[in-house]
């Protein structure tokens, strides 16, 4: 799958599931591949990771929220 500029500014759910853990806080710096949010689906925990080195601008979900695949979970700001 090709990564677009929009994808680099967000963490989106790559599977439908329930939010079980939020691993970062707003304004926290994260590196590419760091776990931002953990989803649970079919008793499996699936980490949702940062697509690039960035700063977390906003967390858009809460623990126990149910999300659909493609849902926006967190807004990011790339380093400049």
C-alpha atoms as a PDB file:
ATOM      1  CA  UNK A   1       0.000   0.000   0.000  1.00  0.00           C
ATOM      2  CA  UNK A   2       1.323   3.417  -0.948  1.00  0.00           C
ATOM      3  CA  UNK A   3       1.742   5.945   1.874  1.00  0.00           C
ATOM      4  CA  UNK A   4       0.275   9.383   1.198  1.00  0.00           C
ATOM      5  CA  UNK A   5       1.043  12.704   2.887  1.00  0.00           C
ATOM      6  CA  UNK A   6      -2.313  12.442   4.699  1.00  0.00           C
ATOM      7  CA  UNK A   7      -1.290   9.031   6.104  1.00  0.00           C
ATOM      8  CA  UNK A   8       1.894  10.586   7.524  1.00  0.00           C
ATOM      9  CA  UNK A   9      -0.201  13.040   9.576  1.00  0.00           C
ATOM     10  CA  UNK A  10      -2.409  10.432  11.221  1.00  0.00           C
ATOM     11  CA  UNK A  11      -2.634   7.054  12.857  1.00  0.00           C
ATOM     12  CA  UNK A  12      -5.552   5.116  11.382  1.00  0.00           C
ATOM     13  CA  UNK A  13      -6.970   1.777  12.495  1.00  0.00           C
ATOM     14  CA  UNK A  14      -5.669  -1.012  10.283  1.00  0.00           C
ATOM     15  CA  UNK A  15      -8.384  -3.321  11.616  1.00  0.00           C
ATOM     16  CA  UNK A  16     -11.808  -2.959  13.262  1.00  0.00           C
ATOM     17  CA  UNK A  17     -11.608  -3.473  17.008  1.00  0.00           C
ATOM     18  CA  UNK A  18     -11.741  -2.058  20.526  1.00  0.00           C
ATOM     19  CA  UNK A  19      -9.228   0.456  21.878  1.00  0.00           C
ATOM     20  CA  UNK A  20      -7.493  -1.255  24.817  1.00  0.00           C
ATOM     21  CA  UNK A  21      -4.541   1.050  25.433  1.00  0.00           C
ATOM     22  CA  UNK A  22      -3.385   4.568  24.578  1.00  0.00           C
ATOM     23  CA  UNK A  23       0.412   4.554  24.780  1.00  0.00           C
ATOM     24  CA  UNK A  24       1.171   8.246  24.182  1.00  0.00           C
ATOM     25  CA  UNK A  25       0.048  11.703  25.276  1.00  0.00           C
ATOM     26  CA  UNK A  26      -0.668  14.820  23.231  1.00  0.00           C
ATOM     27  CA  UNK A  27       2.511  16.753  22.331  1.00  0.00           C
ATOM     28  CA  UNK A  28       4.684  13.692  22.936  1.00  0.00           C
ATOM     29  CA  UNK A  29       7.447  13.021  20.405  1.00  0.00           C
ATOM     30  CA  UNK A  30       7.387   9.560  18.835  1.00  0.00           C
ATOM     31  CA  UNK A  31       9.608   7.742  16.364  1.00  0.00           C
ATOM     32  CA  UNK A  32       8.525   5.831  13.271  1.00  0.00           C
ATOM     33  CA  UNK A  33       7.203   2.443  14.398  1.00  0.00           C
ATOM     34  CA  UNK A  34       6.468   3.450  18.017  1.00  0.00           C
ATOM     35  CA  UNK A  35       3.152   2.090  19.305  1.00  0.00           C
ATOM     36  CA  UNK A  36       0.595   4.885  19.653  1.00  0.00           C
ATOM     37  CA  UNK A  37      -2.598   2.932  20.366  1.00  0.00           C
ATOM     38  CA  UNK A  38      -3.388  -0.751  20.874  1.00  0.00           C
ATOM     39  CA  UNK A  39      -6.549  -2.302  19.423  1.00  0.00           C
ATOM     40  CA  UNK A  40      -8.029  -5.677  20.321  1.00  0.00           C
ATOM     41  CA  UNK A  41      -9.797  -7.856  17.780  1.00  0.00           C
ATOM     42  CA  UNK A  42     -10.586 -11.560  18.121  1.00  0.00           C
ATOM     43  CA  UNK A  43      -8.644 -11.646  21.428  1.00  0.00           C
ATOM     44  CA  UNK A  44      -5.491 -10.367  19.682  1.00  0.00           C
ATOM     45  CA  UNK A  45      -3.765  -7.098  20.599  1.00  0.00           C
ATOM     46  CA  UNK A  46      -2.765  -5.172  17.472  1.00  0.00           C
ATOM     47  CA  UNK A  47      -0.438  -2.158  17.902  1.00  0.00           C
ATOM     48  CA  UNK A  48      -1.179   0.914  15.789  1.00  0.00           C
ATOM     49  CA  UNK A  49       2.155   2.604  15.116  1.00  0.00           C
ATOM     50  CA  UNK A  50       3.484   6.013  14.131  1.00  0.00           C
ATOM     51  CA  UNK A  51       4.154   6.185  10.365  1.00  0.00           C
ATOM     52  CA  UNK A  52       7.057   8.639  10.816  1.00  0.00           C
ATOM     53  CA  UNK A  53       9.048  10.604  13.397  1.00  0.00           C
ATOM     54  CA  UNK A  54       6.484  13.105  14.653  1.00  0.00           C
ATOM     55  CA  UNK A  55       4.694  14.826  17.511  1.00  0.00           C
ATOM     56  CA  UNK A  56       1.272  13.607  18.639  1.00  0.00           C
ATOM     57  CA  UNK A  57      -1.108  16.546  18.201  1.00  0.00           C
ATOM     58  CA  UNK A  58      -4.312  14.925  19.406  1.00  0.00           C
ATOM     59  CA  UNK A  59      -5.666  11.550  20.518  1.00  0.00           C
ATOM     60  CA  UNK A  60      -9.114  11.116  18.978  1.00  0.00           C
ATOM     61  CA  UNK A  61     -10.293   7.946  20.762  1.00  0.00           C
ATOM     62  CA  UNK A  62     -10.713   6.683  24.322  1.00  0.00           C
ATOM     63  CA  UNK A  63     -10.064   3.296  25.922  1.00  0.00           C
ATOM     64  CA  UNK A  64     -13.008   0.925  25.257  1.00  0.00           C
ATOM     65  CA  UNK A  65     -14.094   2.809  22.102  1.00  0.00           C
ATOM     66  CA  UNK A  66     -14.961   0.520  19.194  1.00  0.00           C
ATOM     67  CA  UNK A  67     -13.475   1.656  15.887  1.00  0.00           C
ATOM     68  CA  UNK A  68     -13.817   0.572  12.289  1.00  0.00           C
ATOM     69  CA  UNK A  69     -10.923  -0.136   9.945  1.00  0.00           C
ATOM     70  CA  UNK A  70      -9.596   3.169   8.595  1.00  0.00           C
ATOM     71  CA  UNK A  71     -10.882   5.235  11.539  1.00  0.00           C
ATOM     72  CA  UNK A  72      -8.714   8.185  12.557  1.00  0.00           C
ATOM     73  CA  UNK A  73      -7.150   7.417  15.949  1.00  0.00           C
ATOM     74  CA  UNK A  74      -4.575  10.184  16.396  1.00  0.00           C
ATOM     75  CA  UNK A  75      -3.485  13.349  14.589  1.00  0.00           C
ATOM     76  CA  UNK A  76       0.260  13.848  14.119  1.00  0.00           C
ATOM     77  CA  UNK A  77       2.635  16.668  13.197  1.00  0.00           C
ATOM     78  CA  UNK A  78       5.816  15.704  11.346  1.00  0.00           C
ATOM     79  CA  UNK A  79       9.148  17.127  12.458  1.00  0.00           C
ATOM     80  CA  UNK A  80      10.289  20.025  10.292  1.00  0.00           C
END
